PDB file of N, CA and C in Angstrom:
ATOM      1  N   MET A   1      -1.558   8.872  18.213  1.00  0.00           N
ATOM      2  CA  MET A   1      -1.041   8.952  19.554  1.00  0.00           C
ATOM      3  C   MET A   1       0.270   8.184  19.689  1.00  0.00           C
ATOM      4  N   ALA A   2       0.520   7.235  18.800  1.00  0.00           N
ATOM      5  CA  ALA A   2       1.735   6.425  18.907  1.00  0.00           C
ATOM      6  C   ALA A   2       3.004   7.268  18.844  1.00  0.00           C
ATOM      7  N   ALA A   3       2.946   8.404  18.168  1.00  0.00           N
ATOM      8  CA  ALA A   3       4.133   9.259  18.086  1.00  0.00           C
ATOM      9  C   ALA A   3       4.509   9.827  19.445  1.00  0.00           C
ATOM     10  N   TYR A   4       3.551   9.903  20.361  1.00  0.00           N
ATOM     11  CA  TYR A   4       3.815  10.473  21.684  1.00  0.00           C
ATOM     12  C   TYR A   4       3.903   9.408  22.764  1.00  0.00           C
ATOM     13  N   ASN A   5       3.574   8.180  22.416  1.00  0.00           N
ATOM     14  CA  ASN A   5       3.679   7.064  23.353  1.00  0.00           C
ATOM     15  C   ASN A   5       4.400   5.920  22.638  1.00  0.00           C
ATOM     16  N   ASP A   6       5.528   6.265  22.025  1.00  0.00           N
ATOM     17  CA  ASP A   6       6.250   5.342  21.175  1.00  0.00           C
ATOM     18  C   ASP A   6       6.932   4.250  21.999  1.00  0.00           C
ATOM     19  N   PRO A   7       7.032   3.047  21.443  1.00  0.00           N
ATOM     20  CA  PRO A   7       7.652   1.920  22.160  1.00  0.00           C
ATOM     21  C   PRO A   7       9.117   2.171  22.542  1.00  0.00           C
ATOM     22  N   GLN A   8       9.803   3.010  21.775  1.00  0.00           N
ATOM     23  CA  GLN A   8      11.205   3.314  22.073  1.00  0.00           C
ATOM     24  C   GLN A   8      11.332   4.309  23.223  1.00  0.00           C
ATOM     25  N   GLY A   9      10.246   4.975  23.599  1.00  0.00           N
ATOM     26  CA  GLY A   9      10.268   5.917  24.713  1.00  0.00           C
ATOM     27  C   GLY A   9      10.921   7.252  24.389  1.00  0.00           C
ATOM     28  N   VAL A  10      10.915   7.651  23.110  1.00  0.00           N
ATOM     29  CA  VAL A  10      11.571   8.889  22.702  1.00  0.00           C
ATOM     30  C   VAL A  10      10.916  10.105  23.355  1.00  0.00           C
ATOM     31  N   THR A  11       9.585  10.185  23.307  1.00  0.00           N
ATOM     32  CA  THR A  11       8.898  11.332  23.905  1.00  0.00           C
ATOM     33  C   THR A  11       9.064  11.324  25.418  1.00  0.00           C
ATOM     34  N   ARG A  12       8.998  10.153  26.012  1.00  0.00           N
ATOM     35  CA  ARG A  12       9.223  10.045  27.461  1.00  0.00           C
ATOM     36  C   ARG A  12      10.597  10.608  27.812  1.00  0.00           C
ATOM     37  N   GLU A  13      11.614  10.200  27.081  1.00  0.00           N
ATOM     38  CA  GLU A  13      12.975  10.678  27.342  1.00  0.00           C
ATOM     39  C   GLU A  13      13.121  12.167  27.066  1.00  0.00           C
ATOM     40  N   PHE A  14      12.428  12.668  26.044  1.00  0.00           N
ATOM     41  CA  PHE A  14      12.447  14.099  25.740  1.00  0.00           C
ATOM     42  C   PHE A  14      11.947  14.891  26.943  1.00  0.00           C
ATOM     43  N   ASN A  15      10.822  14.456  27.511  1.00  0.00           N
ATOM     44  CA  ASN A  15      10.257  15.158  28.655  1.00  0.00           C
ATOM     45  C   ASN A  15      11.100  14.971  29.915  1.00  0.00           C
ATOM     46  N   LEU A  16      11.600  13.767  30.148  1.00  0.00           N
ATOM     47  CA  LEU A  16      12.465  13.553  31.313  1.00  0.00           C
ATOM     48  C   LEU A  16      13.755  14.354  31.198  1.00  0.00           C
ATOM     49  N   ASN A  17      14.204  14.605  29.975  1.00  0.00           N
ATOM     50  CA  ASN A  17      15.416  15.384  29.784  1.00  0.00           C
ATOM     51  C   ASN A  17      15.265  16.805  30.341  1.00  0.00           C
ATOM     52  N   LEU A  18      14.046  17.342  30.321  1.00  0.00           N
ATOM     53  CA  LEU A  18      13.822  18.664  30.912  1.00  0.00           C
ATOM     54  C   LEU A  18      14.113  18.631  32.409  1.00  0.00           C
ATOM     55  N   LEU A  19      13.663  17.564  33.080  1.00  0.00           N
ATOM     56  CA  LEU A  19      13.965  17.434  34.513  1.00  0.00           C
ATOM     57  C   LEU A  19      15.459  17.188  34.728  1.00  0.00           C
ATOM     58  N   ARG A  20      16.048  16.397  33.849  1.00  0.00           N
ATOM     59  CA  ARG A  20      17.486  16.125  33.927  1.00  0.00           C
ATOM     60  C   ARG A  20      18.289  17.431  33.833  1.00  0.00           C
ATOM     61  N   ARG A  21      17.893  18.309  32.932  1.00  0.00           N
ATOM     62  CA  ARG A  21      18.586  19.594  32.775  1.00  0.00           C
ATOM     63  C   ARG A  21      18.386  20.486  33.992  1.00  0.00           C
ATOM     64  N   ILE A  22      17.182  20.486  34.557  1.00  0.00           N
ATOM     65  CA  ILE A  22      16.950  21.269  35.779  1.00  0.00           C
ATOM     66  C   ILE A  22      17.855  20.746  36.892  1.00  0.00           C
ATOM     67  N   ASN A  23      17.983  19.425  36.974  1.00  0.00           N
ATOM     68  CA  ASN A  23      18.903  18.839  37.964  1.00  0.00           C
ATOM     69  C   ASN A  23      20.322  19.355  37.749  1.00  0.00           C
ATOM     70  N   ARG A  24      20.781  19.265  36.526  1.00  0.00           N
ATOM     71  CA  ARG A  24      22.172  19.608  36.211  1.00  0.00           C
ATOM     72  C   ARG A  24      22.434  21.114  36.282  1.00  0.00           C
ATOM     73  N   GLU A  25      21.543  21.898  35.699  1.00  0.00           N
ATOM     74  CA  GLU A  25      21.808  23.330  35.541  1.00  0.00           C
ATOM     75  C   GLU A  25      21.341  24.184  36.711  1.00  0.00           C
ATOM     76  N   LEU A  26      20.377  23.677  37.475  1.00  0.00           N
ATOM     77  CA  LEU A  26      19.867  24.470  38.594  1.00  0.00           C
ATOM     78  C   LEU A  26      20.076  23.798  39.946  1.00  0.00           C
ATOM     79  N   GLY A  27      20.788  22.667  39.932  1.00  0.00           N
ATOM     80  CA  GLY A  27      21.084  21.986  41.190  1.00  0.00           C
ATOM     81  C   GLY A  27      19.857  21.366  41.843  1.00  0.00           C
ATOM     82  N   ALA A  28      18.957  20.819  41.049  1.00  0.00           N
ATOM     83  CA  ALA A  28      17.758  20.176  41.587  1.00  0.00           C
ATOM     84  C   ALA A  28      18.020  18.697  41.849  1.00  0.00           C
ATOM     85  N   ASP A  29      17.049  18.072  42.496  1.00  0.00           N
ATOM     86  CA  ASP A  29      17.198  16.647  42.802  1.00  0.00           C
ATOM     87  C   ASP A  29      15.967  15.841  42.380  1.00  0.00           C
ATOM     88  N   PHE A  30      15.455  16.129  41.168  1.00  0.00           N
ATOM     89  CA  PHE A  30      14.363  15.306  40.641  1.00  0.00           C
ATOM     90  C   PHE A  30      14.829  13.866  40.544  1.00  0.00           C
ATOM     91  N   ASP A  31      14.041  12.939  41.070  1.00  0.00           N
ATOM     92  CA  ASP A  31      14.291  11.505  40.917  1.00  0.00           C
ATOM     93  C   ASP A  31      13.562  11.076  39.643  1.00  0.00           C
ATOM     94  N   LEU A  32      14.293  10.957  38.555  1.00  0.00           N
ATOM     95  CA  LEU A  32      13.670  10.676  37.258  1.00  0.00           C
ATOM     96  C   LEU A  32      12.940   9.345  37.232  1.00  0.00           C
ATOM     97  N   THR A  33      13.343   8.413  38.087  1.00  0.00           N
ATOM     98  CA  THR A  33      12.678   7.108  38.115  1.00  0.00           C
ATOM     99  C   THR A  33      11.328   7.177  38.825  1.00  0.00           C
ATOM    100  N   ALA A  34      11.032   8.305  39.463  1.00  0.00           N
ATOM    101  CA  ALA A  34       9.783   8.442  40.215  1.00  0.00           C
ATOM    102  C   ALA A  34       8.695   9.151  39.413  1.00  0.00           C
ATOM    103  N   PHE A  35       8.940   9.361  38.113  1.00  0.00           N
ATOM    104  CA  PHE A  35       7.950  10.019  37.266  1.00  0.00           C
ATOM    105  C   PHE A  35       7.592   9.125  36.093  1.00  0.00           C
ATOM    106  N   ARG A  36       6.299   9.026  35.815  1.00  0.00           N
ATOM    107  CA  ARG A  36       5.779   8.224  34.709  1.00  0.00           C
ATOM    108  C   ARG A  36       5.302   9.157  33.603  1.00  0.00           C
ATOM    109  N   HIS A  37       5.693   8.842  32.377  1.00  0.00           N
ATOM    110  CA  HIS A  37       5.228   9.596  31.198  1.00  0.00           C
ATOM    111  C   HIS A  37       3.780   9.206  30.918  1.00  0.00           C
ATOM    112  N   TYR A  38       2.927  10.222  30.737  1.00  0.00           N
ATOM    113  CA  TYR A  38       1.509   9.967  30.523  1.00  0.00           C
ATOM    114  C   TYR A  38       0.993  10.854  29.392  1.00  0.00           C
ATOM    115  N   PRO A  39       0.824  10.304  28.180  1.00  0.00           N
ATOM    116  CA  PRO A  39       0.307  11.081  27.050  1.00  0.00           C
ATOM    117  C   PRO A  39      -1.214  10.945  26.932  1.00  0.00           C
ATOM    118  N   VAL A  40      -1.880  12.031  26.514  1.00  0.00           N
ATOM    119  CA  VAL A  40      -3.336  12.028  26.340  1.00  0.00           C
ATOM    120  C   VAL A  40      -3.661  12.732  25.033  1.00  0.00           C
ATOM    121  N   TYR A  41      -4.475  12.091  24.200  1.00  0.00           N
ATOM    122  CA  TYR A  41      -4.912  12.698  22.947  1.00  0.00           C
ATOM    123  C   TYR A  41      -6.412  12.958  23.010  1.00  0.00           C
ATOM    124  N   ASN A  42      -6.828  14.166  22.629  1.00  0.00           N
ATOM    125  CA  ASN A  42      -8.239  14.518  22.565  1.00  0.00           C
ATOM    126  C   ASN A  42      -8.615  14.639  21.083  1.00  0.00           C
ATOM    127  N   PRO A  43      -9.342  13.657  20.546  1.00  0.00           N
ATOM    128  CA  PRO A  43      -9.665  13.689  19.113  1.00  0.00           C
ATOM    129  C   PRO A  43     -10.644  14.798  18.736  1.00  0.00           C
ATOM    130  N   LEU A  44     -11.362  15.357  19.694  1.00  0.00           N
ATOM    131  CA  LEU A  44     -12.303  16.431  19.388  1.00  0.00           C
ATOM    132  C   LEU A  44     -11.597  17.765  19.139  1.00  0.00           C
ATOM    133  N   THR A  45     -10.498  18.004  19.858  1.00  0.00           N
ATOM    134  CA  THR A  45      -9.782  19.276  19.717  1.00  0.00           C
ATOM    135  C   THR A  45      -8.477  19.136  18.950  1.00  0.00           C
ATOM    136  N   GLY A  46      -7.997  17.898  18.781  1.00  0.00           N
ATOM    137  CA  GLY A  46      -6.706  17.675  18.139  1.00  0.00           C
ATOM    138  C   GLY A  46      -5.542  17.948  19.071  1.00  0.00           C
ATOM    139  N   ASP A  47      -5.816  18.092  20.379  1.00  0.00           N
ATOM    140  CA  ASP A  47      -4.761  18.353  21.356  1.00  0.00           C
ATOM    141  C   ASP A  47      -4.096  17.058  21.797  1.00  0.00           C
ATOM    142  N   MET A  48      -2.769  17.068  21.768  1.00  0.00           N
ATOM    143  CA  MET A  48      -1.976  15.967  22.308  1.00  0.00           C
ATOM    144  C   MET A  48      -1.178  16.555  23.465  1.00  0.00           C
ATOM    145  N   LYS A  49      -1.421  16.064  24.675  1.00  0.00           N
ATOM    146  CA  LYS A  49      -0.737  16.587  25.850  1.00  0.00           C
ATOM    147  C   LYS A  49       0.103  15.488  26.479  1.00  0.00           C
ATOM    148  N   SER A  50       1.261  15.875  26.963  1.00  0.00           N
ATOM    149  CA  SER A  50       2.136  14.950  27.676  1.00  0.00           C
ATOM    150  C   SER A  50       2.341  15.462  29.092  1.00  0.00           C
ATOM    151  N   TYR A  51       2.287  14.536  30.018  1.00  0.00           N
ATOM    152  CA  TYR A  51       2.495  14.839  31.433  1.00  0.00           C
ATOM    153  C   TYR A  51       3.592  13.930  31.975  1.00  0.00           C
ATOM    154  N   LEU A  52       4.240  14.379  33.027  1.00  0.00           N
ATOM    155  CA  LEU A  52       5.051  13.511  33.862  1.00  0.00           C
ATOM    156  C   LEU A  52       4.330  13.445  35.199  1.00  0.00           C
ATOM    157  N   VAL A  53       4.025  12.224  35.642  1.00  0.00           N
ATOM    158  CA  VAL A  53       3.222  12.012  36.845  1.00  0.00           C
ATOM    159  C   VAL A  53       4.109  11.435  37.934  1.00  0.00           C
ATOM    160  N   SER A  54       4.070  12.071  39.101  1.00  0.00           N
ATOM    161  CA  SER A  54       4.855  11.588  40.237  1.00  0.00           C
ATOM    162  C   SER A  54       4.243  10.283  40.749  1.00  0.00           C
ATOM    163  N   GLU A  55       5.043   9.257  40.834  1.00  0.00           N
ATOM    164  CA  GLU A  55       4.549   7.964  41.297  1.00  0.00           C
ATOM    165  C   GLU A  55       4.634   7.818  42.812  1.00  0.00           C
ATOM    166  N   LYS A  56       5.089   8.870  43.477  1.00  0.00           N
ATOM    167  CA  LYS A  56       5.165   8.819  44.938  1.00  0.00           C
ATOM    168  C   LYS A  56       5.105  10.241  45.490  1.00  0.00           C
ATOM    169  N   GLN A  57       4.800  10.349  46.767  1.00  0.00           N
ATOM    170  CA  GLN A  57       4.887  11.643  47.426  1.00  0.00           C
ATOM    171  C   GLN A  57       6.369  11.961  47.584  1.00  0.00           C
ATOM    172  N   GLN A  58       6.741  13.175  47.203  1.00  0.00           N
ATOM    173  CA  GLN A  58       8.151  13.547  47.254  1.00  0.00           C
ATOM    174  C   GLN A  58       8.280  15.060  47.274  1.00  0.00           C
ATOM    175  N   THR A  59       9.430  15.525  47.671  1.00  0.00           N
ATOM    176  CA  THR A  59       9.749  16.950  47.638  1.00  0.00           C
ATOM    177  C   THR A  59      11.012  17.116  46.824  1.00  0.00           C
ATOM    178  N   VAL A  60      10.943  18.001  45.846  1.00  0.00           N
ATOM    179  CA  VAL A  60      12.085  18.292  44.980  1.00  0.00           C
ATOM    180  C   VAL A  60      12.677  19.624  45.422  1.00  0.00           C
ATOM    181  N   HIS A  61      13.989  19.654  45.533  1.00  0.00           N
ATOM    182  CA  HIS A  61      14.701  20.870  45.898  1.00  0.00           C
ATOM    183  C   HIS A  61      15.407  21.420  44.659  1.00  0.00           C
ATOM    184  N   ILE A  62      15.265  22.731  44.439  1.00  0.00           N
ATOM    185  CA  ILE A  62      15.968  23.392  43.342  1.00  0.00           C
ATOM    186  C   ILE A  62      16.872  24.447  43.976  1.00  0.00           C
ATOM    187  N   GLU A  63      18.138  24.088  44.084  1.00  0.00           N
ATOM    188  CA  GLU A  63      19.107  24.907  44.803  1.00  0.00           C
ATOM    189  C   GLU A  63      19.215  26.329  44.260  1.00  0.00           C
ATOM    190  N   ALA A  64      19.342  26.484  42.945  1.00  0.00           N
ATOM    191  CA  ALA A  64      19.551  27.804  42.345  1.00  0.00           C
ATOM    192  C   ALA A  64      18.394  28.761  42.615  1.00  0.00           C
ATOM    193  N   LEU A  65      17.212  28.237  42.846  1.00  0.00           N
ATOM    194  CA  LEU A  65      16.041  29.069  43.110  1.00  0.00           C
ATOM    195  C   LEU A  65      15.678  29.102  44.587  1.00  0.00           C
ATOM    196  N   GLU A  66      16.442  28.351  45.392  1.00  0.00           N
ATOM    197  CA  GLU A  66      16.125  28.214  46.815  1.00  0.00           C
ATOM    198  C   GLU A  66      14.650  27.846  46.979  1.00  0.00           C
ATOM    199  N   LEU A  67      14.258  26.777  46.282  1.00  0.00           N
ATOM    200  CA  LEU A  67      12.851  26.399  46.174  1.00  0.00           C
ATOM    201  C   LEU A  67      12.676  24.926  46.494  1.00  0.00           C
ATOM    202  N   GLU A  68      11.607  24.612  47.213  1.00  0.00           N
ATOM    203  CA  GLU A  68      11.180  23.237  47.446  1.00  0.00           C
ATOM    204  C   GLU A  68       9.800  23.065  46.826  1.00  0.00           C
ATOM    205  N   ILE A  69       9.632  22.004  46.071  1.00  0.00           N
ATOM    206  CA  ILE A  69       8.345  21.736  45.426  1.00  0.00           C
ATOM    207  C   ILE A  69       7.835  20.383  45.906  1.00  0.00           C
ATOM    208  N   PRO A  70       6.759  20.382  46.688  1.00  0.00           N
ATOM    209  CA  PRO A  70       6.183  19.107  47.122  1.00  0.00           C
ATOM    210  C   PRO A  70       5.291  18.523  46.022  1.00  0.00           C
ATOM    211  N   PHE A  71       5.397  17.235  45.813  1.00  0.00           N
ATOM    212  CA  PHE A  71       4.527  16.518  44.880  1.00  0.00           C
ATOM    213  C   PHE A  71       3.740  15.473  45.654  1.00  0.00           C
ATOM    214  N   ARG A  72       2.432  15.455  45.425  1.00  0.00           N
ATOM    215  CA  ARG A  72       1.609  14.371  45.955  1.00  0.00           C
ATOM    216  C   ARG A  72       1.742  13.179  45.007  1.00  0.00           C
ATOM    217  N   LYS A  73       1.483  12.000  45.510  1.00  0.00           N
ATOM    218  CA  LYS A  73       1.460  10.827  44.642  1.00  0.00           C
ATOM    219  C   LYS A  73       0.403  11.047  43.567  1.00  0.00           C
ATOM    220  N   TRP A  74       0.734  10.811  42.316  1.00  0.00           N
ATOM    221  CA  TRP A  74      -0.084  10.953  41.110  1.00  0.00           C
ATOM    222  C   TRP A  74      -0.286  12.411  40.685  1.00  0.00           C
ATOM    223  N   GLU A  75       0.446  13.352  41.290  1.00  0.00           N
ATOM    224  CA  GLU A  75       0.375  14.735  40.826  1.00  0.00           C
ATOM    225  C   GLU A  75       1.153  14.850  39.513  1.00  0.00           C
ATOM    226  N   ALA A  76       0.604  15.608  38.574  1.00  0.00           N
ATOM    227  CA  ALA A  76       1.182  15.682  37.227  1.00  0.00           C
ATOM    228  C   ALA A  76       1.862  17.023  36.969  1.00  0.00           C
ATOM    229  N   ILE A  77       2.907  16.965  36.162  1.00  0.00           N
ATOM    230  CA  ILE A  77       3.544  18.150  35.611  1.00  0.00           C
ATOM    231  C   ILE A  77       3.115  18.210  34.146  1.00  0.00           C
ATOM    232  N   ASP A  78       2.506  19.314  33.744  1.00  0.00           N
ATOM    233  CA  ASP A  78       2.076  19.509  32.360  1.00  0.00           C
ATOM    234  C   ASP A  78       3.315  19.841  31.536  1.00  0.00           C
ATOM    235  N   MET A  79       3.733  18.933  30.652  1.00  0.00           N
ATOM    236  CA  MET A  79       5.013  19.056  29.966  1.00  0.00           C
ATOM    237  C   MET A  79       4.920  19.579  28.543  1.00  0.00           C
ATOM    238  N   GLU A  80       3.876  19.211  27.831  1.00  0.00           N
ATOM    239  CA  GLU A  80       3.910  19.458  26.390  1.00  0.00           C
ATOM    240  C   GLU A  80       2.495  19.495  25.828  1.00  0.00           C
ATOM    241  N   LEU A  81       2.267  20.392  24.877  1.00  0.00           N
ATOM    242  CA  LEU A  81       1.016  20.442  24.131  1.00  0.00           C
ATOM    243  C   LEU A  81       1.354  20.497  22.655  1.00  0.00           C
ATOM    244  N   SER A  82       0.821  19.558  21.910  1.00  0.00           N
ATOM    245  CA  SER A  82       0.982  19.545  20.464  1.00  0.00           C
ATOM    246  C   SER A  82      -0.416  19.599  19.877  1.00  0.00           C
ATOM    247  N   LYS A  83      -0.618  20.476  18.948  1.00  0.00           N
ATOM    248  CA  LYS A  83      -1.937  20.676  18.370  1.00  0.00           C
ATOM    249  C   LYS A  83      -1.963  20.134  16.942  1.00  0.00           C
ATOM    250  N   LYS A  84      -2.967  19.370  16.619  1.00  0.00           N
ATOM    251  CA  LYS A  84      -3.157  18.826  15.280  1.00  0.00           C
ATOM    252  C   LYS A  84      -4.257  19.622  14.581  1.00  0.00           C
ATOM    253  N   TYR A  85      -3.993  20.031  13.335  1.00  0.00           N
ATOM    254  CA  TYR A  85      -4.968  20.795  12.560  1.00  0.00           C
ATOM    255  C   TYR A  85      -5.319  20.032  11.293  1.00  0.00           C
ATOM    256  N   ASP A  86      -6.593  20.106  10.897  1.00  0.00           N
ATOM    257  CA  ASP A  86      -6.951  19.539   9.600  1.00  0.00           C
ATOM    258  C   ASP A  86      -6.780  20.631   8.539  1.00  0.00           C
ATOM    259  N   ARG A  87      -6.974  20.261   7.294  1.00  0.00           N
ATOM    260  CA  ARG A  87      -6.726  21.194   6.187  1.00  0.00           C
ATOM    261  C   ARG A  87      -7.593  22.457   6.285  1.00  0.00           C
ATOM    262  N   ASN A  88      -8.866  22.310   6.639  1.00  0.00           N
ATOM    263  CA  ASN A  88      -9.757  23.466   6.767  1.00  0.00           C
ATOM    264  C   ASN A  88      -9.281  24.415   7.868  1.00  0.00           C
ATOM    265  N   GLU A  89      -8.809  23.872   8.959  1.00  0.00           N
ATOM    266  CA  GLU A  89      -8.308  24.715  10.050  1.00  0.00           C
ATOM    267  C   GLU A  89      -7.035  25.459   9.630  1.00  0.00           C
ATOM    268  N   ILE A  90      -6.179  24.788   8.875  1.00  0.00           N
ATOM    269  CA  ILE A  90      -4.951  25.441   8.396  1.00  0.00           C
ATOM    270  C   ILE A  90      -5.307  26.603   7.471  1.00  0.00           C
ATOM    271  N   VAL A  91      -6.261  26.373   6.565  1.00  0.00           N
ATOM    272  CA  VAL A  91      -6.694  27.436   5.653  1.00  0.00           C
ATOM    273  C   VAL A  91      -7.248  28.613   6.447  1.00  0.00           C
ATOM    274  N   TRP A  92      -8.113  28.343   7.421  1.00  0.00           N
ATOM    275  CA  TRP A  92      -8.705  29.413   8.222  1.00  0.00           C
ATOM    276  C   TRP A  92      -7.630  30.183   8.999  1.00  0.00           C
ATOM    277  N   LEU A  93      -6.720  29.464   9.658  1.00  0.00           N
ATOM    278  CA  LEU A  93      -5.650  30.130  10.415  1.00  0.00           C
ATOM    279  C   LEU A  93      -4.763  30.972   9.506  1.00  0.00           C
ATOM    280  N   ALA A  94      -4.451  30.437   8.341  1.00  0.00           N
ATOM    281  CA  ALA A  94      -3.609  31.176   7.391  1.00  0.00           C
ATOM    282  C   ALA A  94      -4.313  32.460   6.958  1.00  0.00           C
ATOM    283  N   GLU A  95      -5.578  32.350   6.581  1.00  0.00           N
ATOM    284  CA  GLU A  95      -6.325  33.531   6.140  1.00  0.00           C
ATOM    285  C   GLU A  95      -6.458  34.550   7.267  1.00  0.00           C
ATOM    286  N   TYR A  96      -6.695  34.097   8.449  1.00  0.00           N
ATOM    287  CA  TYR A  96      -6.811  34.977   9.616  1.00  0.00           C
ATOM    288  C   TYR A  96      -5.518  35.772   9.828  1.00  0.00           C
ATOM    289  N   ALA A  97      -4.386  35.133   9.521  1.00  0.00           N
ATOM    290  CA  ALA A  97      -3.083  35.776   9.695  1.00  0.00           C
ATOM    291  C   ALA A  97      -2.629  36.531   8.449  1.00  0.00           C
ATOM    292  N   GLY A  98      -3.455  36.564   7.408  1.00  0.00           N
ATOM    293  CA  GLY A  98      -3.110  37.315   6.204  1.00  0.00           C
ATOM    294  C   GLY A  98      -2.345  36.517   5.166  1.00  0.00           C
ATOM    295  N   PHE A  99      -2.545  35.202   5.149  1.00  0.00           N
ATOM    296  CA  PHE A  99      -1.875  34.327   4.187  1.00  0.00           C
ATOM    297  C   PHE A  99      -2.902  33.472   3.474  1.00  0.00           C
ATOM    298  N   GLU A 100      -2.464  32.873   2.367  1.00  0.00           N
ATOM    299  CA  GLU A 100      -3.281  31.847   1.726  1.00  0.00           C
ATOM    300  C   GLU A 100      -2.382  30.663   1.398  1.00  0.00           C
ATOM    301  N   ALA A 101      -2.988  29.497   1.406  1.00  0.00           N
ATOM    302  CA  ALA A 101      -2.230  28.283   1.100  1.00  0.00           C
ATOM    303  C   ALA A 101      -1.991  28.225  -0.400  1.00  0.00           C
ATOM    304  N   GLU A 102      -0.735  28.179  -0.763  1.00  0.00           N
ATOM    305  CA  GLU A 102      -0.365  28.148  -2.179  1.00  0.00           C
ATOM    306  C   GLU A 102      -0.127  26.727  -2.664  1.00  0.00           C
ATOM    307  N   GLN A 103       0.442  25.889  -1.786  1.00  0.00           N
ATOM    308  CA  GLN A 103       0.743  24.515  -2.183  1.00  0.00           C
ATOM    309  C   GLN A 103       0.733  23.627  -0.947  1.00  0.00           C
ATOM    310  N   TRP A 104       0.314  22.373  -1.161  1.00  0.00           N
ATOM    311  CA  TRP A 104       0.259  21.392  -0.078  1.00  0.00           C
ATOM    312  C   TRP A 104       1.234  20.260  -0.379  1.00  0.00           C
ATOM    313  N   PHE A 105       1.906  19.778   0.633  1.00  0.00           N
ATOM    314  CA  PHE A 105       2.837  18.651   0.517  1.00  0.00           C
ATOM    315  C   PHE A 105       2.401  17.581   1.513  1.00  0.00           C
ATOM    316  N   PHE A 106       1.941  16.446   0.997  1.00  0.00           N
ATOM    317  CA  PHE A 106       1.406  15.372   1.835  1.00  0.00           C
ATOM    318  C   PHE A 106       2.359  14.189   1.887  1.00  0.00           C
ATOM    319  N   ASP A 107       2.263  13.410   2.959  1.00  0.00           N
ATOM    320  CA  ASP A 107       2.954  12.122   3.017  1.00  0.00           C
ATOM    321  C   ASP A 107       2.170  11.138   2.138  1.00  0.00           C
ATOM    322  N   GLU A 108       2.693   9.929   1.971  1.00  0.00           N
ATOM    323  CA  GLU A 108       2.077   8.944   1.074  1.00  0.00           C
ATOM    324  C   GLU A 108       0.627   8.632   1.424  1.00  0.00           C
ATOM    325  N   LYS A 109       0.291   8.602   2.706  1.00  0.00           N
ATOM    326  CA  LYS A 109      -1.059   8.249   3.137  1.00  0.00           C
ATOM    327  C   LYS A 109      -1.936   9.472   3.397  1.00  0.00           C
ATOM    328  N   GLU A 110      -1.384  10.649   3.162  1.00  0.00           N
ATOM    329  CA  GLU A 110      -2.063  11.913   3.421  1.00  0.00           C
ATOM    330  C   GLU A 110      -2.500  12.054   4.875  1.00  0.00           C
ATOM    331  N   TYR A 111      -1.677  11.529   5.772  1.00  0.00           N
ATOM    332  CA  TYR A 111      -1.902  11.714   7.204  1.00  0.00           C
ATOM    333  C   TYR A 111      -1.372  13.081   7.662  1.00  0.00           C
ATOM    334  N   PHE A 112      -0.299  13.532   7.032  1.00  0.00           N
ATOM    335  CA  PHE A 112       0.371  14.760   7.439  1.00  0.00           C
ATOM    336  C   PHE A 112       0.575  15.662   6.231  1.00  0.00           C
ATOM    337  N   THR A 113       0.659  16.949   6.505  1.00  0.00           N
ATOM    338  CA  THR A 113       0.898  17.891   5.421  1.00  0.00           C
ATOM    339  C   THR A 113       1.763  19.049   5.886  1.00  0.00           C
ATOM    340  N   ASP A 114       2.485  19.606   4.953  1.00  0.00           N
ATOM    341  CA  ASP A 114       3.124  20.900   5.104  1.00  0.00           C
ATOM    342  C   ASP A 114       2.453  21.799   4.097  1.00  0.00           C
ATOM    343  N   ALA A 115       2.229  23.042   4.487  1.00  0.00           N
ATOM    344  CA  ALA A 115       1.572  23.988   3.581  1.00  0.00           C
ATOM    345  C   ALA A 115       2.519  25.130   3.293  1.00  0.00           C
ATOM    346  N   LEU A 116       2.641  25.450   2.032  1.00  0.00           N
ATOM    347  CA  LEU A 116       3.403  26.637   1.612  1.00  0.00           C
ATOM    348  C   LEU A 116       2.404  27.793   1.585  1.00  0.00           C
ATOM    349  N   LEU A 117       2.667  28.793   2.420  1.00  0.00           N
ATOM    350  CA  LEU A 117       1.744  29.929   2.536  1.00  0.00           C
ATOM    351  C   LEU A 117       2.327  31.142   1.850  1.00  0.00           C
ATOM    352  N   ARG A 118       1.442  31.968   1.288  1.00  0.00           N
ATOM    353  CA  ARG A 118       1.847  33.216   0.625  1.00  0.00           C
ATOM    354  C   ARG A 118       1.034  34.349   1.233  1.00  0.00           C
ATOM    355  N   ALA A 119       1.700  35.473   1.484  1.00  0.00           N
ATOM    356  CA  ALA A 119       1.011  36.645   2.033  1.00  0.00           C
ATOM    357  C   ALA A 119      -0.036  37.134   1.038  1.00  0.00           C
ATOM    358  N   ILE A 120      -1.170  37.487   1.542  1.00  0.00           N
ATOM    359  CA  ILE A 120      -2.277  37.991   0.689  1.00  0.00           C
ATOM    360  C   ILE A 120      -2.059  39.475   0.436  1.00  0.00           C
TER     361      ILE A 120
END
């Protein structure tokens, strides 16, 4: 989970950048200081989700869409889903899609892998 809740705030800034771009490109008025980054990891499914949570009741205007979006305090925007797969799941997904794992490339601690797949 540390990769999504890193002390440097990289993931937080990545997600806030989406609001920043909406502000710039669509004429919105998101108050970036009013949103808290909230990451959640589910070890049973391997799902890592990131949210931006409104820390206050507010209304955001998006000029280009002629849209107003009300946010309640603690209302969340679902920003990101990252899925973690173990080796067995990768093999099953590959086979389901008509591939087989030909070679595995692991990091030093075997926490992460890249798989070279070949069409069956």
